[in-house]
């Protein structure tokens, strides 16, 4: 399985430059996927080492052969724990390319895409217990309303939640094709596919506890970074980007930034990039997934 088929890495050069790689440093790619970013990092290492995380068993087909590389088959929310199991306490840089890989989207059996008919799965870790099917067929109306509104920003979330509960009583949801057919009557006219994408995003985030895992990973990353170590994070929707932005700018996910007695900001990270870095028109034309990508870069402060 080649990386180009599995997944085309977004803003490859910008991510690598953002890490400011020391050839003898220790780095972590918490979202290995097709391995594109990892292979680029490895090109810049001499005596350094790269640790890569991925909970999707399919990603293991892309592991490069290198003495400078260690693959960790785990969720990135356990970043600190697994690094310590490998004898690593501090690192020079952490890279995260969030969201879903092209391979996962294009594999019908995974149930991530509205373009194919497949089981309502959406688990990034295939051994996880809860799939999208369980969410749709067992969550109560209030839970469905919450995740559709919060994670999918679906405007008629309450109406849709009620309809899902009513429909499943007579016909449980089983396939992506059946579910999108059901959704069609609730989608705004002319915006069917955007609506489907919002609903699927909400289900995927819930199934994989993506926001909870992201918070845990970011806090772990701050802790394991050496002073001046780099945190490079690429996100694809506003919920992810807001968490990353707040942590880098304010030092916390919510609330206002703290200041010391002298008015200096108290935060563990200092942004390197002014605002989010976005892909140029040429990359977007060749890789449409880059259109929604926002890249943020920060370094660990001495505090």
Protein backbone atom coordinates (compact mmCIF):
# COMPACT_ATOMS: atom_id res chain seq x y z
CA UNK A 1 0.00 0.00 0.00
CA UNK A 2 1.69 3.22 -1.12
CA UNK A 3 1.40 6.47 0.77
CA UNK A 4 0.12 8.35 -2.29
CA UNK A 5 -2.87 6.01 -2.52
CA UNK A 6 -3.47 5.88 1.22
CA UNK A 7 -3.27 9.60 1.91
CA UNK A 8 -1.69 12.74 0.44
CA UNK A 9 -0.10 14.76 3.28
CA UNK A 10 -1.32 18.35 3.54
CA UNK A 11 1.14 21.27 3.83
CA UNK A 12 4.06 18.86 4.08
CA UNK A 13 6.79 21.51 3.81
CA UNK A 14 5.08 23.90 6.23
CA UNK A 15 4.65 21.16 8.86
CA UNK A 16 8.27 20.08 8.57
CA UNK A 17 9.56 23.67 8.73
CA UNK A 18 7.30 24.33 11.71
CA UNK A 19 9.03 21.59 13.69
CA UNK A 20 12.42 23.31 13.19
CA UNK A 21 14.03 19.86 13.19
CA UNK A 22 17.26 19.16 15.05
CA UNK A 23 18.93 16.21 13.23
CA UNK A 24 19.69 14.66 16.63
CA UNK A 25 16.36 15.47 18.27
CA UNK A 26 13.39 13.35 19.30
CA UNK A 27 10.09 13.90 17.51
CA UNK A 28 6.58 12.50 17.59
CA UNK A 29 4.03 12.20 14.78
CA UNK A 30 0.83 11.47 16.68
CA UNK A 31 -1.21 10.86 13.50
CA UNK A 32 0.93 8.53 11.37
CA UNK A 33 -1.74 7.49 8.82
CA UNK A 34 -0.11 7.09 5.42
CA UNK A 35 3.25 8.07 6.85
CA UNK A 36 3.84 11.04 4.55
CA UNK A 37 4.75 13.49 7.29
CA UNK A 38 6.80 10.86 9.14
CA UNK A 39 8.88 10.01 6.08
CA UNK A 40 9.62 13.69 5.52
CA UNK A 41 10.71 14.14 9.14
CA UNK A 42 12.98 11.08 8.87
CA UNK A 43 14.80 12.71 5.94
CA UNK A 44 15.95 15.45 8.33
CA UNK A 45 17.18 13.16 11.12
CA UNK A 46 20.74 11.96 11.69
CA UNK A 47 21.03 10.43 15.16
CA UNK A 48 17.57 11.63 16.10
CA UNK A 49 14.47 9.46 16.50
CA UNK A 50 10.83 9.65 15.46
CA UNK A 51 7.98 7.98 17.33
CA UNK A 52 4.67 7.69 15.48
CA UNK A 53 1.20 6.91 16.84
CA UNK A 54 -1.85 5.49 15.08
CA UNK A 55 -4.77 3.47 16.44
CA UNK A 56 -5.91 2.30 12.97
CA UNK A 57 -4.49 -1.12 12.12
CA UNK A 58 -4.56 -0.23 8.41
CA UNK A 59 -1.84 2.38 9.00
CA UNK A 60 0.65 -0.33 9.93
CA UNK A 61 1.01 -1.23 6.24
CA UNK A 62 2.80 2.11 5.77
CA UNK A 63 5.52 1.72 8.43
CA UNK A 64 8.91 2.73 6.99
CA UNK A 65 12.02 0.65 7.49
CA UNK A 66 14.31 2.88 9.55
CA UNK A 67 16.41 2.54 12.68
CA UNK A 68 15.32 6.08 13.52
CA UNK A 69 11.64 5.14 13.65
CA UNK A 70 9.33 3.50 16.19
CA UNK A 71 5.64 2.86 15.53
CA UNK A 72 3.23 2.85 18.48
CA UNK A 73 -0.17 1.26 17.83
CA UNK A 74 -2.21 3.40 20.23
CA UNK A 75 -4.54 6.37 20.52
CA UNK A 76 -2.61 9.63 20.75
CA UNK A 77 -4.52 10.53 23.90
CA UNK A 78 -2.03 8.28 25.71
CA UNK A 79 0.98 10.11 24.30
CA UNK A 80 2.91 10.59 27.55
CA UNK A 81 2.24 7.07 28.84
CA UNK A 82 3.51 5.30 25.73
CA UNK A 83 6.53 7.55 25.33
CA UNK A 84 7.56 6.73 28.88
CA UNK A 85 7.14 3.02 28.15
CA UNK A 86 9.78 3.60 25.47
CA UNK A 87 12.01 5.47 27.90
CA UNK A 88 11.22 8.91 26.52
CA UNK A 89 10.40 11.75 28.92
CA UNK A 90 11.05 14.83 26.78
CA UNK A 91 10.86 15.51 23.04
CA UNK A 92 11.86 18.30 20.65
CA UNK A 93 8.66 18.40 18.65
CA UNK A 94 5.15 17.00 18.25
CA UNK A 95 3.20 16.96 14.99
CA UNK A 96 -0.55 16.30 14.72
CA UNK A 97 -2.47 16.12 11.44
CA UNK A 98 -6.00 15.81 12.78
CA UNK A 99 -9.18 14.55 11.19
CA UNK A 100 -9.62 11.54 8.97
CA UNK A 101 -7.31 10.06 6.35
CA UNK A 102 -8.20 9.77 2.67
CA UNK A 103 -7.86 5.99 2.98
CA UNK A 104 -10.47 5.84 5.74
CA UNK A 105 -12.85 8.00 3.72
CA UNK A 106 -12.39 5.97 0.54
CA UNK A 107 -12.83 2.55 2.17
CA UNK A 108 -16.62 1.83 1.99
CA UNK A 109 -16.55 -0.73 4.81
CA UNK A 110 -15.35 1.91 7.28
CA UNK A 111 -18.57 3.90 6.91
CA UNK A 112 -16.98 7.35 7.03
CA UNK A 113 -18.16 8.60 3.65
CA UNK A 114 -21.56 9.59 2.30
CA UNK A 115 -20.36 8.61 -1.20
CA UNK A 116 -20.40 4.86 -0.62
CA UNK A 117 -22.77 2.28 0.78
CA UNK A 118 -21.30 0.52 3.79
CA UNK A 119 -21.93 -0.35 7.39
CA UNK A 120 -22.49 2.58 9.78
CA UNK A 121 -19.17 2.05 11.51
CA UNK A 122 -16.89 5.15 11.70
CA UNK A 123 -14.50 3.64 14.26
CA UNK A 124 -10.90 4.70 13.77
CA UNK A 125 -9.91 1.91 16.13
CA UNK A 126 -11.62 -1.19 14.77
CA UNK A 127 -11.53 -2.89 18.17
CA UNK A 128 -13.55 -0.11 19.84
CA UNK A 129 -16.97 -1.16 21.11
CA UNK A 130 -19.21 1.71 19.97
CA UNK A 131 -19.86 2.36 16.27
CA UNK A 132 -22.09 4.93 14.55
CA UNK A 133 -24.75 2.24 14.30
CA UNK A 134 -24.91 1.95 18.10
CA UNK A 135 -25.05 5.73 18.49
CA UNK A 136 -27.96 6.09 16.07
CA UNK A 137 -29.92 3.11 17.36
CA UNK A 138 -29.38 3.41 21.14
CA UNK A 139 -28.72 7.04 22.13
CA UNK A 140 -31.75 8.84 23.52
CA UNK A 141 -33.18 11.95 21.88
CA UNK A 142 -31.38 14.35 24.20
CA UNK A 143 -27.98 12.77 23.54
CA UNK A 144 -28.52 12.81 19.79
CA UNK A 145 -29.66 16.45 19.89
CA UNK A 146 -26.51 17.39 21.80
CA UNK A 147 -23.97 15.70 19.54
CA UNK A 148 -25.67 16.80 16.31
CA UNK A 149 -25.76 20.41 17.48
CA UNK A 150 -22.37 20.52 19.19
CA UNK A 151 -20.21 18.38 16.91
CA UNK A 152 -22.01 18.84 13.59
CA UNK A 153 -23.43 22.32 14.11
CA UNK A 154 -26.62 20.97 12.54
CA UNK A 155 -29.24 23.77 12.63
CA UNK A 156 -32.27 21.48 12.92
CA UNK A 157 -30.54 19.13 15.38
CA UNK A 158 -33.57 18.82 17.67
CA UNK A 159 -35.94 17.95 14.83
CA UNK A 160 -33.48 15.46 13.38
CA UNK A 161 -32.89 13.80 16.75
CA UNK A 162 -36.63 13.31 17.18
CA UNK A 163 -36.92 11.88 13.68
CA UNK A 164 -34.03 9.44 14.20
CA UNK A 165 -35.63 8.03 17.37
CA UNK A 166 -39.01 7.70 15.64
CA UNK A 167 -37.56 6.05 12.51
CA UNK A 168 -35.39 3.49 14.32
CA UNK A 169 -38.38 2.12 16.23
CA UNK A 170 -39.66 0.63 12.99
CA UNK A 171 -36.45 0.37 10.98
CA UNK A 172 -33.03 0.36 12.74
CA UNK A 173 -30.24 2.18 10.89
CA UNK A 174 -27.72 -0.21 9.34
CA UNK A 175 -25.99 1.32 6.31
CA UNK A 176 -24.61 4.70 5.24
CA UNK A 177 -26.75 4.60 2.10
CA UNK A 178 -29.93 3.95 4.08
CA UNK A 179 -29.07 6.68 6.56
CA UNK A 180 -28.35 9.34 3.90
CA UNK A 181 -31.64 8.45 2.18
CA UNK A 182 -33.36 9.11 5.50
CA UNK A 183 -31.46 12.39 5.96
CA UNK A 184 -32.48 13.76 2.58
CA UNK A 185 -35.91 14.88 3.76
CA UNK A 186 -34.36 16.97 6.56
CA UNK A 187 -31.57 18.61 4.55
CA UNK A 188 -31.92 22.24 3.39
CA UNK A 189 -32.81 22.39 -0.29
CA UNK A 190 -29.72 22.40 -2.46
CA UNK A 191 -27.40 21.71 0.47
CA UNK A 192 -27.89 17.96 0.82
CA UNK A 193 -24.23 16.95 0.76
CA UNK A 194 -23.11 19.66 3.17
CA UNK A 195 -25.85 18.55 5.56
CA UNK A 196 -24.84 14.88 5.28
CA UNK A 197 -21.21 15.85 5.96
CA UNK A 198 -22.21 17.76 9.11
CA UNK A 199 -24.23 14.84 10.46
CA UNK A 200 -21.51 12.30 9.62
CA UNK A 201 -18.90 14.54 11.27
CA UNK A 202 -20.97 14.68 14.45
CA UNK A 203 -21.30 10.89 14.56
CA UNK A 204 -17.60 10.33 13.82
CA UNK A 205 -16.50 12.72 16.57
CA UNK A 206 -18.80 11.02 19.08
CA UNK A 207 -17.83 7.48 18.10
CA UNK A 208 -14.12 8.23 18.47
CA UNK A 209 -14.37 10.75 21.35
CA UNK A 210 -12.23 12.98 19.17
CA UNK A 211 -12.54 16.16 21.21
CA UNK A 212 -11.75 14.43 24.50
CA UNK A 213 -8.78 12.63 22.94
CA UNK A 214 -7.52 15.88 21.40
CA UNK A 215 -7.60 17.72 24.72
CA UNK A 216 -5.69 14.92 26.44
CA UNK A 217 -3.10 14.73 23.66
CA UNK A 218 -2.50 18.48 23.64
CA UNK A 219 -1.99 18.59 27.40
CA UNK A 220 0.39 15.62 27.20
CA UNK A 221 2.26 17.29 24.34
CA UNK A 222 2.80 20.45 26.38
CA UNK A 223 4.13 18.34 29.24
CA UNK A 224 6.58 16.25 27.20
CA UNK A 225 7.98 19.10 25.10
CA UNK A 226 11.40 20.47 26.02
CA UNK A 227 11.74 24.25 26.40
CA UNK A 228 11.61 25.73 22.86
CA UNK A 229 10.22 22.42 21.58
CA UNK A 230 7.65 22.81 18.80
CA UNK A 231 3.97 21.83 18.69
CA UNK A 232 2.63 21.72 15.13
CA UNK A 233 -1.09 20.99 14.74
CA UNK A 234 -3.21 20.90 11.59
CA UNK A 235 -6.98 20.85 12.01
CA UNK A 236 -9.88 20.62 9.58
CA UNK A 237 -12.91 21.96 11.41
CA UNK A 238 -13.62 24.83 13.78
CA UNK A 239 -14.09 22.70 16.91
CA UNK A 240 -10.56 21.27 16.68
CA UNK A 241 -8.99 24.55 15.65
CA UNK A 242 -10.63 26.42 18.53
CA UNK A 243 -9.09 24.06 21.09
CA UNK A 244 -5.64 24.33 19.51
CA UNK A 245 -5.85 28.11 19.12
CA UNK A 246 -7.00 28.67 22.70
CA UNK A 247 -4.26 26.48 24.16
CA UNK A 248 -1.53 28.15 22.13
CA UNK A 249 -2.72 31.71 22.71
CA UNK A 250 -4.38 31.57 26.13
CA UNK A 251 -2.75 28.53 27.70
CA UNK A 252 -6.16 26.95 28.33
CA UNK A 253 -9.05 25.54 26.34
CA UNK A 254 -11.63 27.91 27.79
CA UNK A 255 -11.64 31.23 29.60
CA UNK A 256 -9.26 34.16 29.50
CA UNK A 257 -5.48 34.06 29.59
CA UNK A 258 -3.86 34.42 33.01
CA UNK A 259 -1.28 37.11 33.76
CA UNK A 260 1.32 37.42 36.48
CA UNK A 261 1.76 40.37 38.86
CA UNK A 262 3.63 42.31 36.18
CA UNK A 263 1.05 41.71 33.46
CA UNK A 264 3.01 39.02 31.63
CA UNK A 265 1.04 36.22 30.03
CA UNK A 266 1.14 32.90 31.87
CA UNK A 267 0.97 30.21 29.23
CA UNK A 268 3.01 27.10 28.44
CA UNK A 269 3.21 27.81 24.70
CA UNK A 270 4.13 30.80 22.57
CA UNK A 271 2.64 30.97 19.05
CA UNK A 272 5.19 30.99 16.23
CA UNK A 273 2.75 31.59 13.42
CA UNK A 274 0.60 34.71 13.37
CA UNK A 275 -2.82 33.17 13.03
CA UNK A 276 -3.35 29.94 11.13
CA UNK A 277 -1.25 28.94 8.13
CA UNK A 278 -3.36 27.81 5.17
CA UNK A 279 -2.55 25.97 1.96
CA UNK A 280 -1.93 27.93 -1.23
CA UNK A 281 -4.15 27.77 -4.30
CA UNK A 282 -1.82 25.35 -6.11
CA UNK A 283 -1.95 22.75 -3.31
CA UNK A 284 -5.72 23.11 -2.93
CA UNK A 285 -6.14 22.50 -6.67
CA UNK A 286 -4.11 19.28 -6.50
CA UNK A 287 -5.40 18.14 -3.10
CA UNK A 288 -8.92 19.48 -2.29
CA UNK A 289 -8.66 18.20 1.32
CA UNK A 290 -6.16 21.01 1.95
CA UNK A 291 -8.91 23.62 1.48
CA UNK A 292 -10.18 23.38 5.06
CA UNK A 293 -6.80 22.81 6.73
CA UNK A 294 -5.52 25.26 9.34
CA UNK A 295 -1.99 24.86 10.62
CA UNK A 296 -0.88 26.36 13.94
CA UNK A 297 2.65 26.32 15.32
CA UNK A 298 3.87 27.14 18.83
CA UNK A 299 6.94 26.58 20.97
CA UNK A 300 7.21 25.56 24.61
CA UNK A 301 8.08 28.44 26.91
CA UNK A 302 10.56 28.25 29.75
CA UNK A 303 7.75 28.49 32.34
